Amino acid sequence: MAIYEFYGKQPAVDPSAFVHPEATLIGDVRIDTGCYIGAGAVLKGDIGSVIVGTGSKPIMPEQMERIRESLEIYQALAQRHNRSLRKIG
């Protein structure tokens, strides 16, 4: 996995989380306990924080999303959103 500092902020990944070697984490990103981040995922915490809450598995390669503000993904919401995201374009 590629981890990059951005303006003094560096991603933090819990040791029990799985982040695929082909995923990229940039800036103010936090991956909590038991999370899964798939191949090709790019999480960029530049304007606000990106927090992937305990047990979440929301980021898959086919789910492209631009994060403009602080984003908190909680376990219960992540499961619902994971099934309802659609690629546009």
PDB file of N, CA and C in Angstrom:
ATOM      1  N   MET A   1       0.855  -1.175   0.000  1.00  0.00           N
ATOM      2  CA  MET A   1       0.000   0.000   0.000  1.00  0.00           C
ATOM      3  C   MET A   1       0.893   1.228   0.000  1.00  0.00           C
ATOM      4  N   ALA A   2       0.430   2.251  -0.691  1.00  0.00           N
ATOM      5  CA  ALA A   2       1.159   3.516  -0.725  1.00  0.00           C
ATOM      6  C   ALA A   2       0.553   4.454   0.319  1.00  0.00           C
ATOM      7  N   ILE A   3       1.405   5.010   1.176  1.00  0.00           N
ATOM      8  CA  ILE A   3       0.956   5.951   2.206  1.00  0.00           C
ATOM      9  C   ILE A   3       1.753   7.239   2.032  1.00  0.00           C
ATOM     10  N   TYR A   4       1.012   8.357   1.885  1.00  0.00           N
ATOM     11  CA  TYR A   4       1.666   9.642   1.663  1.00  0.00           C
ATOM     12  C   TYR A   4       1.218  10.671   2.691  1.00  0.00           C
ATOM     13  N   GLU A   5       2.180  11.407   3.212  1.00  0.00           N
ATOM     14  CA  GLU A   5       1.876  12.543   4.077  1.00  0.00           C
ATOM     15  C   GLU A   5       1.411  13.701   3.196  1.00  0.00           C
ATOM     16  N   PHE A   6       0.469  14.508   3.716  1.00  0.00           N
ATOM     17  CA  PHE A   6      -0.030  15.667   2.974  1.00  0.00           C
ATOM     18  C   PHE A   6      -0.180  16.822   3.949  1.00  0.00           C
ATOM     19  N   TYR A   7       0.609  17.867   3.774  1.00  0.00           N
ATOM     20  CA  TYR A   7       0.601  19.036   4.658  1.00  0.00           C
ATOM     21  C   TYR A   7       0.678  18.651   6.139  1.00  0.00           C
ATOM     22  N   GLY A   8       1.619  17.765   6.446  1.00  0.00           N
ATOM     23  CA  GLY A   8       1.855  17.383   7.832  1.00  0.00           C
ATOM     24  C   GLY A   8       0.920  16.322   8.393  1.00  0.00           C
ATOM     25  N   LYS A   9      -0.054  15.891   7.616  1.00  0.00           N
ATOM     26  CA  LYS A   9      -0.991  14.846   8.058  1.00  0.00           C
ATOM     27  C   LYS A   9      -0.605  13.529   7.389  1.00  0.00           C
ATOM     28  N   GLN A  10      -0.543  12.464   8.203  1.00  0.00           N
ATOM     29  CA  GLN A  10      -0.181  11.153   7.682  1.00  0.00           C
ATOM     30  C   GLN A  10      -1.262  10.141   8.025  1.00  0.00           C
ATOM     31  N   PRO A  11      -1.600   9.243   7.093  1.00  0.00           N
ATOM     32  CA  PRO A  11      -2.618   8.228   7.366  1.00  0.00           C
ATOM     33  C   PRO A  11      -2.240   7.339   8.551  1.00  0.00           C
ATOM     34  N   ALA A  12      -3.271   6.878   9.277  1.00  0.00           N
ATOM     35  CA  ALA A  12      -3.099   5.954  10.398  1.00  0.00           C
ATOM     36  C   ALA A  12      -3.946   4.722  10.121  1.00  0.00           C
ATOM     37  N   VAL A  13      -3.324   3.553  10.187  1.00  0.00           N
ATOM     38  CA  VAL A  13      -4.018   2.296   9.904  1.00  0.00           C
ATOM     39  C   VAL A  13      -3.881   1.376  11.106  1.00  0.00           C
ATOM     40  N   ASP A  14      -5.020   0.901  11.630  1.00  0.00           N
ATOM     41  CA  ASP A  14      -5.001  -0.058  12.733  1.00  0.00           C
ATOM     42  C   ASP A  14      -4.346  -1.354  12.240  1.00  0.00           C
ATOM     43  N   PRO A  15      -3.515  -1.995  13.071  1.00  0.00           N
ATOM     44  CA  PRO A  15      -2.839  -3.230  12.657  1.00  0.00           C
ATOM     45  C   PRO A  15      -3.789  -4.359  12.248  1.00  0.00           C
ATOM     46  N   SER A  16      -5.025  -4.365  12.753  1.00  0.00           N
ATOM     47  CA  SER A  16      -5.964  -5.437  12.405  1.00  0.00           C
ATOM     48  C   SER A  16      -6.709  -5.163  11.098  1.00  0.00           C
ATOM     49  N   ALA A  17      -6.557  -3.980  10.540  1.00  0.00           N
ATOM     50  CA  ALA A  17      -7.227  -3.639   9.278  1.00  0.00           C
ATOM     51  C   ALA A  17      -6.443  -4.224   8.107  1.00  0.00           C
ATOM     52  N   PHE A  18      -7.161  -4.506   7.005  1.00  0.00           N
ATOM     53  CA  PHE A  18      -6.503  -4.957   5.781  1.00  0.00           C
ATOM     54  C   PHE A  18      -6.604  -3.850   4.747  1.00  0.00           C
ATOM     55  N   VAL A  19      -5.457  -3.381   4.286  1.00  0.00           N
ATOM     56  CA  VAL A  19      -5.407  -2.412   3.194  1.00  0.00           C
ATOM     57  C   VAL A  19      -4.613  -3.083   2.080  1.00  0.00           C
ATOM     58  N   HIS A  20      -5.248  -3.279   0.933  1.00  0.00           N
ATOM     59  CA  HIS A  20      -4.620  -3.964  -0.196  1.00  0.00           C
ATOM     60  C   HIS A  20      -3.334  -3.248  -0.606  1.00  0.00           C
ATOM     61  N   PRO A  21      -2.311  -3.996  -1.023  1.00  0.00           N
ATOM     62  CA  PRO A  21      -1.052  -3.376  -1.449  1.00  0.00           C
ATOM     63  C   PRO A  21      -1.210  -2.371  -2.598  1.00  0.00           C
ATOM     64  N   GLU A  22      -2.275  -2.480  -3.387  1.00  0.00           N
ATOM     65  CA  GLU A  22      -2.492  -1.551  -4.503  1.00  0.00           C
ATOM     66  C   GLU A  22      -3.401  -0.380  -4.132  1.00  0.00           C
ATOM     67  N   ALA A  23      -3.743  -0.230  -2.854  1.00  0.00           N
ATOM     68  CA  ALA A  23      -4.539   0.919  -2.395  1.00  0.00           C
ATOM     69  C   ALA A  23      -3.590   2.067  -2.041  1.00  0.00           C
ATOM     70  N   THR A  24      -4.132   3.294  -2.060  1.00  0.00           N
ATOM     71  CA  THR A  24      -3.345   4.489  -1.747  1.00  0.00           C
ATOM     72  C   THR A  24      -4.052   5.316  -0.682  1.00  0.00           C
ATOM     73  N   LEU A  25      -3.319   5.693   0.356  1.00  0.00           N
ATOM     74  CA  LEU A  25      -3.846   6.537   1.430  1.00  0.00           C
ATOM     75  C   LEU A  25      -3.023   7.820   1.468  1.00  0.00           C
ATOM     76  N   ILE A  26      -3.728   8.970   1.453  1.00  0.00           N
ATOM     77  CA  ILE A  26      -3.050  10.261   1.386  1.00  0.00           C
ATOM     78  C   ILE A  26      -3.597  11.195   2.464  1.00  0.00           C
ATOM     79  N   GLY A  27      -2.713  11.765   3.271  1.00  0.00           N
ATOM     80  CA  GLY A  27      -3.106  12.810   4.212  1.00  0.00           C
ATOM     81  C   GLY A  27      -3.856  12.327   5.438  1.00  0.00           C
ATOM     82  N   ASP A  28      -4.888  13.089   5.819  1.00  0.00           N
ATOM     83  CA  ASP A  28      -5.636  12.877   7.064  1.00  0.00           C
ATOM     84  C   ASP A  28      -6.656  11.746   6.914  1.00  0.00           C
ATOM     85  N   VAL A  29      -6.145  10.504   6.913  1.00  0.00           N
ATOM     86  CA  VAL A  29      -6.971   9.305   6.730  1.00  0.00           C
ATOM     87  C   VAL A  29      -6.769   8.407   7.939  1.00  0.00           C
ATOM     88  N   ARG A  30      -7.873   7.861   8.485  1.00  0.00           N
ATOM     89  CA  ARG A  30      -7.787   6.916   9.603  1.00  0.00           C
ATOM     90  C   ARG A  30      -8.584   5.668   9.248  1.00  0.00           C
ATOM     91  N   ILE A  31      -7.937   4.515   9.321  1.00  0.00           N
ATOM     92  CA  ILE A  31      -8.569   3.223   9.069  1.00  0.00           C
ATOM     93  C   ILE A  31      -8.615   2.497  10.411  1.00  0.00           C
ATOM     94  N   ASP A  32      -9.834   2.238  10.913  1.00  0.00           N
ATOM     95  CA  ASP A  32     -10.005   1.641  12.238  1.00  0.00           C
ATOM     96  C   ASP A  32      -9.960   0.109  12.207  1.00  0.00           C
ATOM     97  N   THR A  33     -10.180  -0.489  13.368  1.00  0.00           N
ATOM     98  CA  THR A  33     -10.116  -1.927  13.603  1.00  0.00           C
ATOM     99  C   THR A  33     -10.977  -2.736  12.639  1.00  0.00           C
ATOM    100  N   GLY A  34     -10.384  -3.785  12.058  1.00  0.00           N
ATOM    101  CA  GLY A  34     -11.129  -4.748  11.261  1.00  0.00           C
ATOM    102  C   GLY A  34     -11.645  -4.255   9.924  1.00  0.00           C
ATOM    103  N   CYS A  35     -11.151  -3.148   9.432  1.00  0.00           N
ATOM    104  CA  CYS A  35     -11.630  -2.609   8.150  1.00  0.00           C
ATOM    105  C   CYS A  35     -10.959  -3.309   6.973  1.00  0.00           C
ATOM    106  N   TYR A  36     -11.587  -3.189   5.803  1.00  0.00           N
ATOM    107  CA  TYR A  36     -11.040  -3.725   4.559  1.00  0.00           C
ATOM    108  C   TYR A  36     -11.054  -2.618   3.514  1.00  0.00           C
ATOM    109  N   ILE A  37      -9.892  -2.347   2.927  1.00  0.00           N
ATOM    110  CA  ILE A  37      -9.776  -1.385   1.840  1.00  0.00           C
ATOM    111  C   ILE A  37      -9.234  -2.156   0.644  1.00  0.00           C
ATOM    112  N   GLY A  38     -10.006  -2.200  -0.445  1.00  0.00           N
ATOM    113  CA  GLY A  38      -9.688  -3.031  -1.603  1.00  0.00           C
ATOM    114  C   GLY A  38      -8.650  -2.446  -2.544  1.00  0.00           C
ATOM    115  N   ALA A  39      -8.234  -3.283  -3.498  1.00  0.00           N
ATOM    116  CA  ALA A  39      -7.254  -2.897  -4.511  1.00  0.00           C
ATOM    117  C   ALA A  39      -7.768  -1.725  -5.334  1.00  0.00           C
ATOM    118  N   GLY A  40      -6.888  -0.776  -5.609  1.00  0.00           N
ATOM    119  CA  GLY A  40      -7.251   0.361  -6.445  1.00  0.00           C
ATOM    120  C   GLY A  40      -7.927   1.502  -5.712  1.00  0.00           C
ATOM    121  N   ALA A  41      -8.246   1.320  -4.436  1.00  0.00           N
ATOM    122  CA  ALA A  41      -8.903   2.388  -3.671  1.00  0.00           C
ATOM    123  C   ALA A  41      -7.907   3.523  -3.424  1.00  0.00           C
ATOM    124  N   VAL A  42      -8.404   4.760  -3.511  1.00  0.00           N
ATOM    125  CA  VAL A  42      -7.601   5.939  -3.186  1.00  0.00           C
ATOM    126  C   VAL A  42      -8.393   6.758  -2.182  1.00  0.00           C
ATOM    127  N   LEU A  43      -7.873   6.898  -0.973  1.00  0.00           N
ATOM    128  CA  LEU A  43      -8.514   7.702   0.069  1.00  0.00           C
ATOM    129  C   LEU A  43      -7.632   8.912   0.305  1.00  0.00           C
ATOM    130  N   LYS A  44      -8.185  10.106   0.059  1.00  0.00           N
ATOM    131  CA  LYS A  44      -7.399  11.336   0.124  1.00  0.00           C
ATOM    132  C   LYS A  44      -8.000  12.283   1.148  1.00  0.00           C
ATOM    133  N   GLY A  45      -7.321  12.438   2.267  1.00  0.00           N
ATOM    134  CA  GLY A  45      -7.762  13.360   3.307  1.00  0.00           C
ATOM    135  C   GLY A  45      -7.020  14.672   3.164  1.00  0.00           C
ATOM    136  N   ASP A  46      -7.446  15.488   2.194  1.00  0.00           N
ATOM    137  CA  ASP A  46      -6.759  16.756   1.968  1.00  0.00           C
ATOM    138  C   ASP A  46      -7.553  17.946   2.495  1.00  0.00           C
ATOM    139  N   ILE A  47      -8.833  18.029   2.188  1.00  0.00           N
ATOM    140  CA  ILE A  47      -9.669  19.136   2.647  1.00  0.00           C
ATOM    141  C   ILE A  47     -10.226  18.839   4.032  1.00  0.00           C
ATOM    142  N   GLY A  48     -10.549  17.585   4.284  1.00  0.00           N
ATOM    143  CA  GLY A  48     -11.075  17.156   5.573  1.00  0.00           C
ATOM    144  C   GLY A  48     -10.579  15.759   5.879  1.00  0.00           C
ATOM    145  N   SER A  49     -10.989  15.247   7.028  1.00  0.00           N
ATOM    146  CA  SER A  49     -10.592  13.902   7.447  1.00  0.00           C
ATOM    147  C   SER A  49     -11.401  12.840   6.726  1.00  0.00           C
ATOM    148  N   VAL A  50     -10.764  11.693   6.491  1.00  0.00           N
ATOM    149  CA  VAL A  50     -11.458  10.503   6.012  1.00  0.00           C
ATOM    150  C   VAL A  50     -11.298   9.472   7.117  1.00  0.00           C
ATOM    151  N   ILE A  51     -12.430   9.071   7.719  1.00  0.00           N
ATOM    152  CA  ILE A  51     -12.398   8.106   8.812  1.00  0.00           C
ATOM    153  C   ILE A  51     -13.231   6.904   8.403  1.00  0.00           C
ATOM    154  N   VAL A  52     -12.582   5.745   8.296  1.00  0.00           N
ATOM    155  CA  VAL A  52     -13.290   4.514   7.983  1.00  0.00           C
ATOM    156  C   VAL A  52     -13.440   3.780   9.310  1.00  0.00           C
ATOM    157  N   GLY A  53     -14.689   3.742   9.821  1.00  0.00           N
ATOM    158  CA  GLY A  53     -14.969   3.232  11.159  1.00  0.00           C
ATOM    159  C   GLY A  53     -14.813   1.730  11.304  1.00  0.00           C
ATOM    160  N   THR A  54     -14.774   1.280  12.534  1.00  0.00           N
ATOM    161  CA  THR A  54     -14.558  -0.114  12.902  1.00  0.00           C
ATOM    162  C   THR A  54     -15.409  -1.081  12.091  1.00  0.00           C
ATOM    163  N   GLY A  55     -14.736  -2.055  11.475  1.00  0.00           N
ATOM    164  CA  GLY A  55     -15.413  -3.118  10.746  1.00  0.00           C
ATOM    165  C   GLY A  55     -15.935  -2.747   9.373  1.00  0.00           C
ATOM    166  N   SER A  56     -15.702  -1.536   8.914  1.00  0.00           N
ATOM    167  CA  SER A  56     -16.229  -1.100   7.612  1.00  0.00           C
ATOM    168  C   SER A  56     -15.467  -1.732   6.459  1.00  0.00           C
ATOM    169  N   LYS A  57     -16.184  -1.962   5.384  1.00  0.00           N
ATOM    170  CA  LYS A  57     -15.595  -2.500   4.166  1.00  0.00           C
ATOM    171  C   LYS A  57     -16.158  -1.731   2.967  1.00  0.00           C
ATOM    172  N   PRO A  58     -16.053  -0.389   2.983  1.00  0.00           N
ATOM    173  CA  PRO A  58     -16.773   0.404   1.993  1.00  0.00           C
ATOM    174  C   PRO A  58     -16.067   0.697   0.687  1.00  0.00           C
ATOM    175  N   ILE A  59     -14.764   0.551   0.599  1.00  0.00           N
ATOM    176  CA  ILE A  59     -14.052   1.052  -0.564  1.00  0.00           C
ATOM    177  C   ILE A  59     -13.600  -0.110  -1.442  1.00  0.00           C
ATOM    178  N   MET A  60     -14.201  -0.218  -2.615  1.00  0.00           N
ATOM    179  CA  MET A  60     -13.857  -1.247  -3.579  1.00  0.00           C
ATOM    180  C   MET A  60     -13.425  -0.547  -4.865  1.00  0.00           C
ATOM    181  N   PRO A  61     -12.643  -1.210  -5.736  1.00  0.00           N
ATOM    182  CA  PRO A  61     -12.121  -0.528  -6.920  1.00  0.00           C
ATOM    183  C   PRO A  61     -13.196   0.054  -7.834  1.00  0.00           C
ATOM    184  N   GLU A  62     -14.348  -0.575  -7.924  1.00  0.00           N
ATOM    185  CA  GLU A  62     -15.392  -0.080  -8.833  1.00  0.00           C
ATOM    186  C   GLU A  62     -16.195   1.075  -8.235  1.00  0.00           C
ATOM    187  N   GLN A  63     -15.928   1.427  -7.004  1.00  0.00           N
ATOM    188  CA  GLN A  63     -16.664   2.518  -6.350  1.00  0.00           C
ATOM    189  C   GLN A  63     -15.775   3.751  -6.293  1.00  0.00           C
ATOM    190  N   MET A  64     -15.951   4.639  -7.258  1.00  0.00           N
ATOM    191  CA  MET A  64     -15.140   5.850  -7.336  1.00  0.00           C
ATOM    192  C   MET A  64     -15.907   6.995  -6.685  1.00  0.00           C
ATOM    193  N   GLU A  65     -15.252   7.706  -5.815  1.00  0.00           N
ATOM    194  CA  GLU A  65     -15.935   8.768  -5.098  1.00  0.00           C
ATOM    195  C   GLU A  65     -14.940   9.890  -4.817  1.00  0.00           C
ATOM    196  N   ARG A  66     -15.344  11.120  -5.043  1.00  0.00           N
ATOM    197  CA  ARG A  66     -14.509  12.286  -4.729  1.00  0.00           C
ATOM    198  C   ARG A  66     -14.939  12.812  -3.373  1.00  0.00           C
ATOM    199  N   ILE A  67     -14.005  12.909  -2.479  1.00  0.00           N
ATOM    200  CA  ILE A  67     -14.337  13.337  -1.126  1.00  0.00           C
ATOM    201  C   ILE A  67     -13.952  14.802  -0.980  1.00  0.00           C
ATOM    202  N   ARG A  68     -14.946  15.666  -0.784  1.00  0.00           N
ATOM    203  CA  ARG A  68     -14.721  17.104  -0.703  1.00  0.00           C
ATOM    204  C   ARG A  68     -14.762  17.625   0.734  1.00  0.00           C
ATOM    205  N   GLU A  69     -15.436  16.957   1.627  1.00  0.00           N
ATOM    206  CA  GLU A  69     -15.557  17.422   3.003  1.00  0.00           C
ATOM    207  C   GLU A  69     -15.203  16.279   3.941  1.00  0.00           C
ATOM    208  N   SER A  70     -15.202  16.557   5.225  1.00  0.00           N
ATOM    209  CA  SER A  70     -14.933  15.501   6.199  1.00  0.00           C
ATOM    210  C   SER A  70     -15.947  14.379   6.020  1.00  0.00           C
ATOM    211  N   LEU A  71     -15.467  13.150   6.080  1.00  0.00           N
ATOM    212  CA  LEU A  71     -16.329  12.005   5.856  1.00  0.00           C
ATOM    213  C   LEU A  71     -16.104  11.008   6.979  1.00  0.00           C
ATOM    214  N   GLU A  72     -17.185  10.630   7.639  1.00  0.00           N
ATOM    215  CA  GLU A  72     -17.098   9.597   8.664  1.00  0.00           C
ATOM    216  C   GLU A  72     -17.971   8.441   8.212  1.00  0.00           C
ATOM    217  N   ILE A  73     -17.390   7.270   8.135  1.00  0.00           N
ATOM    218  CA  ILE A  73     -18.125   6.094   7.702  1.00  0.00           C
ATOM    219  C   ILE A  73     -18.245   5.155   8.898  1.00  0.00           C
ATOM    220  N   TYR A  74     -19.442   4.948   9.353  1.00  0.00           N
ATOM    221  CA  TYR A  74     -19.679   4.070  10.493  1.00  0.00           C
ATOM    222  C   TYR A  74     -20.126   2.700   9.997  1.00  0.00           C
ATOM    223  N   GLN A  75     -19.910   1.702  10.807  1.00  0.00           N
ATOM    224  CA  GLN A  75     -20.157   0.321  10.412  1.00  0.00           C
ATOM    225  C   GLN A  75     -21.558   0.093   9.859  1.00  0.00           C
ATOM    226  N   ALA A  76     -22.586   0.519  10.527  1.00  0.00           N
ATOM    227  CA  ALA A  76     -23.958   0.276  10.065  1.00  0.00           C
ATOM    228  C   ALA A  76     -24.241   0.983   8.748  1.00  0.00           C
ATOM    229  N   LEU A  77     -23.790   2.209   8.594  1.00  0.00           N
ATOM    230  CA  LEU A  77     -24.030   2.957   7.360  1.00  0.00           C
ATOM    231  C   LEU A  77     -23.217   2.413   6.198  1.00  0.00           C
ATOM    232  N   ALA A  78     -22.007   1.963   6.478  1.00  0.00           N
ATOM    233  CA  ALA A  78     -21.140   1.478   5.409  1.00  0.00           C
ATOM    234  C   ALA A  78     -21.767   0.307   4.670  1.00  0.00           C
ATOM    235  N   GLN A  79     -22.395  -0.596   5.395  1.00  0.00           N
ATOM    236  CA  GLN A  79     -23.008  -1.748   4.743  1.00  0.00           C
ATOM    237  C   GLN A  79     -24.136  -1.313   3.813  1.00  0.00           C
ATOM    238  N   ARG A  80     -24.953  -0.370   4.237  1.00  0.00           N
ATOM    239  CA  ARG A  80     -26.066   0.116   3.417  1.00  0.00           C
ATOM    240  C   ARG A  80     -25.544   0.849   2.175  1.00  0.00           C
ATOM    241  N   HIS A  81     -24.568   1.737   2.361  1.00  0.00           N
ATOM    242  CA  HIS A  81     -24.032   2.513   1.242  1.00  0.00           C
ATOM    243  C   HIS A  81     -23.281   1.620   0.262  1.00  0.00           C
ATOM    244  N   ASN A  82     -22.625   0.605   0.757  1.00  0.00           N
ATOM    245  CA  ASN A  82     -21.864  -0.296  -0.102  1.00  0.00           C
ATOM    246  C   ASN A  82     -22.768  -0.965  -1.130  1.00  0.00           C
ATOM    247  N   ARG A  83     -24.010  -1.209  -0.767  1.00  0.00           N
ATOM    248  CA  ARG A  83     -24.944  -1.850  -1.695  1.00  0.00           C
ATOM    249  C   ARG A  83     -25.636  -0.856  -2.612  1.00  0.00           C
ATOM    250  N   SER A  84     -25.607   0.436  -2.268  1.00  0.00           N
ATOM    251  CA  SER A  84     -26.379   1.389  -3.055  1.00  0.00           C
ATOM    252  C   SER A  84     -25.535   2.290  -3.949  1.00  0.00           C
ATOM    253  N   LEU A  85     -24.205   2.218  -3.865  1.00  0.00           N
ATOM    254  CA  LEU A  85     -23.373   3.064  -4.712  1.00  0.00           C
ATOM    255  C   LEU A  85     -23.416   2.587  -6.153  1.00  0.00           C
ATOM    256  N   ARG A  86     -23.456   3.522  -7.069  1.00  0.00           N
ATOM    257  CA  ARG A  86     -23.469   3.212  -8.495  1.00  0.00           C
ATOM    258  C   ARG A  86     -22.424   4.080  -9.190  1.00  0.00           C
ATOM    259  N   LYS A  87     -21.723   3.529 -10.159  1.00  0.00           N
ATOM    260  CA  LYS A  87     -20.760   4.290 -10.935  1.00  0.00           C
ATOM    261  C   LYS A  87     -21.519   5.148 -11.934  1.00  0.00           C
ATOM    262  N   ILE A  88     -21.162   6.412 -12.019  1.00  0.00           N
ATOM    263  CA  ILE A  88     -21.799   7.325 -12.967  1.00  0.00           C
ATOM    264  C   ILE A  88     -20.762   7.704 -14.011  1.00  0.00           C
ATOM    265  N   GLY A  89     -21.128   7.526 -15.272  1.00  0.00           N
ATOM    266  CA  GLY A  89     -20.217   7.937 -16.353  1.00  0.00           C
ATOM    267  C   GLY A  89     -19.448   6.815 -16.954  1.00  0.00           C
TER     268      GLY A  89
END
